[in-house]
C-alpha atoms as a PDB file:
ATOM      1  CA  MET A   1      -8.650 -15.562 -21.700  1.00  0.00           C
ATOM      2  CA  SER A   2      -5.714 -15.018 -19.648  1.00  0.00           C
ATOM      3  CA  ARG A   3      -3.707 -17.827 -18.463  1.00  0.00           C
ATOM      4  CA  SER A   4      -1.526 -17.591 -15.367  1.00  0.00           C
ATOM      5  CA  LEU A   5       2.404 -17.320 -16.334  1.00  0.00           C
ATOM      6  CA  GLY A   6       3.459 -17.765 -12.328  1.00  0.00           C
ATOM      7  CA  PRO A   7       5.800 -15.055 -10.357  1.00  0.00           C
ATOM      8  CA  GLN A   8       7.874 -14.158 -12.528  1.00  0.00           C
ATOM      9  CA  LEU A   9       7.811 -11.558 -15.902  1.00  0.00           C
ATOM     10  CA  PRO A  10       7.952 -13.025 -19.204  1.00  0.00           C
ATOM     11  CA  GLU A  11      11.766 -12.181 -20.505  1.00  0.00           C
ATOM     12  CA  ALA A  12       9.618  -9.987 -23.432  1.00  0.00           C
ATOM     13  CA  LEU A  13       8.177  -7.820 -20.925  1.00  0.00           C
ATOM     14  CA  VAL A  14      12.030  -8.296 -18.852  1.00  0.00           C
ATOM     15  CA  ALA A  15      13.755  -7.231 -22.098  1.00  0.00           C
ATOM     16  CA  ARG A  16      11.334  -3.973 -22.666  1.00  0.00           C
ATOM     17  CA  LEU A  17      11.778  -3.023 -19.338  1.00  0.00           C
ATOM     18  CA  LEU A  18      15.777  -2.907 -19.686  1.00  0.00           C
ATOM     19  CA  ALA A  19      16.251  -1.692 -23.118  1.00  0.00           C
ATOM     20  CA  PRO A  20      13.164   0.411 -24.554  1.00  0.00           C
ATOM     21  CA  GLY A  21      13.136   2.123 -27.744  1.00  0.00           C
ATOM     22  CA  PRO A  22      14.392   5.516 -28.191  1.00  0.00           C
ATOM     23  CA  GLY A  23      12.026   7.414 -26.004  1.00  0.00           C
ATOM     24  CA  GLU A  24       9.640   4.398 -25.509  1.00  0.00           C
ATOM     25  CA  SER A  25      10.186   4.422 -21.965  1.00  0.00           C
ATOM     26  CA  LEU A  26       8.138   8.439 -21.759  1.00  0.00           C
ATOM     27  CA  ARG A  27       5.930   7.084 -24.060  1.00  0.00           C
ATOM     28  CA  ARG A  28       4.632   3.950 -23.526  1.00  0.00           C
ATOM     29  CA  VAL A  29       1.707   3.985 -20.384  1.00  0.00           C
ATOM     30  CA  VAL A  30       1.242   1.359 -17.595  1.00  0.00           C
ATOM     31  CA  VAL A  31      -1.592   1.335 -16.474  1.00  0.00           C
ATOM     32  CA  LEU A  32      -1.546   0.891 -12.412  1.00  0.00           C
ATOM     33  CA  ALA A  33      -5.153  -0.719 -10.831  1.00  0.00           C
ATOM     34  CA  THR A  34      -5.136  -0.371  -6.739  1.00  0.00           C
ATOM     35  CA  VAL A  35      -8.359  -0.981  -4.279  1.00  0.00           C
ATOM     36  CA  ASP A  36      -9.975   2.005  -2.457  1.00  0.00           C
ATOM     37  CA  PRO A  37     -10.815   1.672   1.013  1.00  0.00           C
ATOM     38  CA  TYR A  38     -14.655   0.682  -0.511  1.00  0.00           C
ATOM     39  CA  GLY A  39     -13.008  -1.982  -2.634  1.00  0.00           C
ATOM     40  CA  TRP A  40     -13.378  -0.175  -6.387  1.00  0.00           C
ATOM     41  CA  PRO A  41     -10.871  -0.243  -8.327  1.00  0.00           C
ATOM     42  CA  HIS A  42      -8.677   2.927  -8.872  1.00  0.00           C
ATOM     43  CA  PRO A  43      -6.618   3.221 -12.027  1.00  0.00           C
ATOM     44  CA  ALA A  44      -3.743   5.669 -12.499  1.00  0.00           C
ATOM     45  CA  LEU A  45      -1.223   5.754 -15.748  1.00  0.00           C
ATOM     46  CA  LEU A  46       2.231   5.663 -15.087  1.00  0.00           C
ATOM     47  CA  THR A  47       5.254   5.126 -18.184  1.00  0.00           C
ATOM     48  CA  TYR A  48       8.092   2.965 -17.848  1.00  0.00           C
ATOM     49  CA  VAL A  49       9.708   5.798 -16.331  1.00  0.00           C
ATOM     50  CA  GLU A  50       8.374   5.285 -13.221  1.00  0.00           C
ATOM     51  CA  LEU A  51       8.959   1.778 -12.913  1.00  0.00           C
ATOM     52  CA  ARG A  52      12.304  -0.134 -12.468  1.00  0.00           C
ATOM     53  CA  LEU A  53      12.757  -3.456 -12.768  1.00  0.00           C
ATOM     54  CA  LEU A  54      15.288  -5.032  -9.980  1.00  0.00           C
ATOM     55  CA  ASP A  55      14.725  -8.577 -11.861  1.00  0.00           C
ATOM     56  CA  PRO A  56      12.311 -10.696 -13.196  1.00  0.00           C
ATOM     57  CA  GLY A  57      10.014 -10.728  -9.746  1.00  0.00           C
ATOM     58  CA  ARG A  58      10.945  -7.296  -8.606  1.00  0.00           C
ATOM     59  CA  LEU A  59      10.147  -4.020  -9.796  1.00  0.00           C
ATOM     60  CA  ARG A  60      10.694  -0.985  -8.106  1.00  0.00           C
ATOM     61  CA  LEU A  61       7.393   2.055  -8.619  1.00  0.00           C
ATOM     62  CA  LEU A  62       7.636   5.982  -8.187  1.00  0.00           C
ATOM     63  CA  LEU A  63       4.413   7.524  -7.074  1.00  0.00           C
ATOM     64  CA  ALA A  64       3.408  11.432  -5.728  1.00  0.00           C
ATOM     65  CA  SER A  65       3.653  10.412  -2.129  1.00  0.00           C
ATOM     66  CA  GLY A  66      -0.032  12.410  -1.729  1.00  0.00           C
ATOM     67  CA  SER A  67      -1.549  10.004  -4.618  1.00  0.00           C
ATOM     68  CA  ARG A  68      -4.570   7.790  -4.271  1.00  0.00           C
ATOM     69  CA  SER A  69      -2.465   5.439  -5.693  1.00  0.00           C
ATOM     70  CA  ALA A  70      -0.196   5.980  -3.224  1.00  0.00           C
ATOM     71  CA  ARG A  71      -2.310   6.028  -0.373  1.00  0.00           C
ATOM     72  CA  HIS A  72      -3.961   2.779  -1.410  1.00  0.00           C
ATOM     73  CA  LEU A  73      -0.570   0.846  -1.864  1.00  0.00           C
ATOM     74  CA  ARG A  74       0.081   1.658   1.594  1.00  0.00           C
ATOM     75  CA  GLU A  75      -3.096   0.445   3.005  1.00  0.00           C
ATOM     76  CA  SER A  76      -3.949  -2.377   0.743  1.00  0.00           C
ATOM     77  CA  GLY A  77      -0.385  -3.192   0.001  1.00  0.00           C
ATOM     78  CA  ARG A  78      -1.831  -4.494  -3.550  1.00  0.00           C
ATOM     79  CA  ALA A  79      -1.552  -3.709  -6.923  1.00  0.00           C
ATOM     80  CA  THR A  80      -1.561  -4.877 -10.556  1.00  0.00           C
ATOM     81  CA  LEU A  81       0.168  -3.412 -13.252  1.00  0.00           C
ATOM     82  CA  VAL A  82      -1.631  -3.722 -17.265  1.00  0.00           C
ATOM     83  CA  PHE A  83       0.761  -3.637 -19.588  1.00  0.00           C
ATOM     84  CA  ALA A  84      -0.617  -3.401 -23.368  1.00  0.00           C
ATOM     85  CA  ASP A  85       0.421  -3.134 -26.566  1.00  0.00           C
ATOM     86  CA  PRO A  86       0.119  -5.168 -30.257  1.00  0.00           C
ATOM     87  CA  GLU A  87       2.617  -7.217 -29.128  1.00  0.00           C
ATOM     88  CA  LEU A  88       1.285  -8.551 -25.111  1.00  0.00           C
ATOM     89  CA  ILE A  89      -1.485  -7.902 -22.885  1.00  0.00           C
ATOM     90  CA  LEU A  90      -0.195  -8.678 -19.197  1.00  0.00           C
ATOM     91  CA  TYR A  91      -1.773  -8.157 -15.707  1.00  0.00           C
ATOM     92  CA  VAL A  92       0.896  -7.870 -13.397  1.00  0.00           C
ATOM     93  CA  LYS A  93      -0.410  -8.664  -9.653  1.00  0.00           C
ATOM     94  CA  ALA A  94       1.740  -7.538  -6.959  1.00  0.00           C
ATOM     95  CA  GLU A  95       2.599  -7.370  -3.106  1.00  0.00           C
ATOM     96  CA  ALA A  96       3.508  -4.066  -2.400  1.00  0.00           C
ATOM     97  CA  VAL A  97       6.107  -2.825   0.205  1.00  0.00           C
ATOM     98  CA  VAL A  98       6.595   0.607   1.007  1.00  0.00           C
ATOM     99  CA  LEU A  99      10.419   2.191   1.171  1.00  0.00           C
ATOM    100  CA  PRO A 100      11.779   4.583   2.676  1.00  0.00           C
ATOM    101  CA  SER A 101      11.445   8.151   1.285  1.00  0.00           C
ATOM    102  CA  LEU A 102      14.163  10.384   0.062  1.00  0.00           C
ATOM    103  CA  PRO A 103      15.073  13.378   2.124  1.00  0.00           C
ATOM    104  CA  ARG A 104      15.337  15.602  -0.718  1.00  0.00           C
ATOM    105  CA  HIS A 105      11.978  13.947  -2.741  1.00  0.00           C
ATOM    106  CA  ALA A 106       9.905  13.759   0.400  1.00  0.00           C
ATOM    107  CA  ASP A 107       7.192  14.356  -2.556  1.00  0.00           C
ATOM    108  CA  LEU A 108       7.593  11.224  -3.981  1.00  0.00           C
ATOM    109  CA  ALA A 109       7.007   7.420  -2.451  1.00  0.00           C
ATOM    110  CA  ARG A 110       8.615   4.878  -3.572  1.00  0.00           C
ATOM    111  CA  PHE A 111       7.525   1.207  -3.145  1.00  0.00           C
ATOM    112  CA  GLU A 112       8.640  -2.053  -3.761  1.00  0.00           C
ATOM    113  CA  LEU A 113       6.528  -4.780  -5.954  1.00  0.00           C
ATOM    114  CA  ASN A 114       6.874  -8.167  -5.494  1.00  0.00           C
ATOM    115  CA  VAL A 115       5.271 -10.462  -8.426  1.00  0.00           C
ATOM    116  CA  ARG A 116       2.961 -12.826  -6.591  1.00  0.00           C
ATOM    117  CA  ASP A 117       0.949 -13.791 -10.594  1.00  0.00           C
ATOM    118  CA  VAL A 118       1.374 -12.915 -14.287  1.00  0.00           C
ATOM    119  CA  LEU A 119      -1.699 -13.389 -16.193  1.00  0.00           C
ATOM    120  CA  GLU A 120      -0.845 -13.315 -20.191  1.00  0.00           C
ATOM    121  CA  ASP A 121      -3.865 -12.628 -22.283  1.00  0.00           C
ATOM    122  CA  ARG A 122      -4.639 -13.960 -25.600  1.00  0.00           C
ATOM    123  CA  ALA A 123      -7.466 -14.157 -27.914  1.00  0.00           C
ATOM    124  CA  GLU A 124      -8.285 -17.542 -28.573  1.00  0.00           C
ATOM    125  CA  GLY A 125     -11.450 -19.315 -30.184  1.00  0.00           C
ATOM    126  CA  GLU A 126     -13.921 -17.283 -32.109  1.00  0.00           C
ATOM    127  CA  GLU A 127     -11.491 -14.134 -31.212  1.00  0.00           C
ATOM    128  CA  ALA A 128      -8.120 -15.917 -32.109  1.00  0.00           C
ATOM    129  CA  GLY A 129      -5.977 -13.814 -34.450  1.00  0.00           C
ATOM    130  CA  THR A 130      -7.779 -10.444 -32.695  1.00  0.00           C
ATOM    131  CA  ARG A 131      -5.041  -8.345 -31.349  1.00  0.00           C
ATOM    132  CA  LEU A 132      -4.912  -4.339 -29.975  1.00  0.00           C
ATOM    133  CA  ALA A 133      -3.876  -2.555 -32.986  1.00  0.00           C
ATOM    134  CA  SER A 134      -2.211  -0.145 -31.204  1.00  0.00           C
ATOM    135  CA  GLY A 135      -0.957   0.628 -27.037  1.00  0.00           C
ATOM    136  CA  LEU A 136      -1.711   2.982 -24.833  1.00  0.00           C
ATOM    137  CA  THR A 137       1.196   6.158 -25.200  1.00  0.00           C
ATOM    138  CA  VAL A 138       1.608   9.655 -24.199  1.00  0.00           C
ATOM    139  CA  GLU A 139       3.257  12.435 -25.992  1.00  0.00           C
ATOM    140  CA  GLU A 140       5.042  14.874 -23.726  1.00  0.00           C
ATOM    141  CA  PRO A 141       5.569  18.560 -25.093  1.00  0.00           C
ATOM    142  CA  GLY A 142       8.242  20.534 -24.371  1.00  0.00           C
ATOM    143  CA  ASP A 143      12.382  20.591 -24.973  1.00  0.00           C
ATOM    144  CA  THR A 144      14.099  17.054 -24.847  1.00  0.00           C
ATOM    145  CA  GLY A 145      16.440  18.616 -22.345  1.00  0.00           C
ATOM    146  CA  ALA A 146      13.262  19.004 -19.696  1.00  0.00           C
ATOM    147  CA  VAL A 147      12.731  15.680 -20.628  1.00  0.00           C
ATOM    148  CA  ALA A 148      15.800  13.983 -20.201  1.00  0.00           C
ATOM    149  CA  ARG A 149      16.559  16.065 -16.781  1.00  0.00           C
ATOM    150  CA  ARG A 150      13.044  14.138 -15.793  1.00  0.00           C
ATOM    151  CA  ARG A 151      14.088  10.522 -17.026  1.00  0.00           C
ATOM    152  CA  ALA A 152      17.667  11.278 -15.171  1.00  0.00           C
ATOM    153  CA  ARG A 153      15.777  12.401 -11.682  1.00  0.00           C
ATOM    154  CA  VAL A 154      13.526   9.302 -11.124  1.00  0.00           C
ATOM    155  CA  GLY A 155      16.262   6.897 -12.450  1.00  0.00           C
ATOM    156  CA  GLU A 156      18.396   8.400  -9.552  1.00  0.00           C
ATOM    157  CA  ILE A 157      15.388   8.178  -7.041  1.00  0.00           C
ATOM    158  CA  LEU A 158      14.773   4.445  -8.231  1.00  0.00           C
ATOM    159  CA  ALA A 159      17.571   3.370  -8.252  1.00  0.00           C
ATOM    160  CA  ASP A 160      18.379   4.523  -4.146  1.00  0.00           C
END
């Protein structure tokens, strides 16, 4: 069952976004849910790399400009981020503001997400004590230099 925590990210998530463990920002998956023009949910998988915490009420998001998720955010201005791992399950509902694209990175779309409500999902009643065994994670093959360059590029774009 979920309960509202209000329009601010809880400290546990803020800490994870500010200082993920070594390599965690590349491995932990966040589900971004947008809504298509027909009202169907559209999920997309991101990592912490594509998100930047501005403050507990705002996040910055980076997507491929031609992606369906970017198109849906431009059209509806609404998104839900799902953070799910053994320690926490949160649904972050947000309104999206399109940020100007950067000339050097026209293939990427930037959004500011203004948090409107955070729902915490906890097992209660008959489900009490039940928890996720693991969260969603990805593995990126390749050399660590390429991964570091990608992280630096995304960080630069989200900071502008």
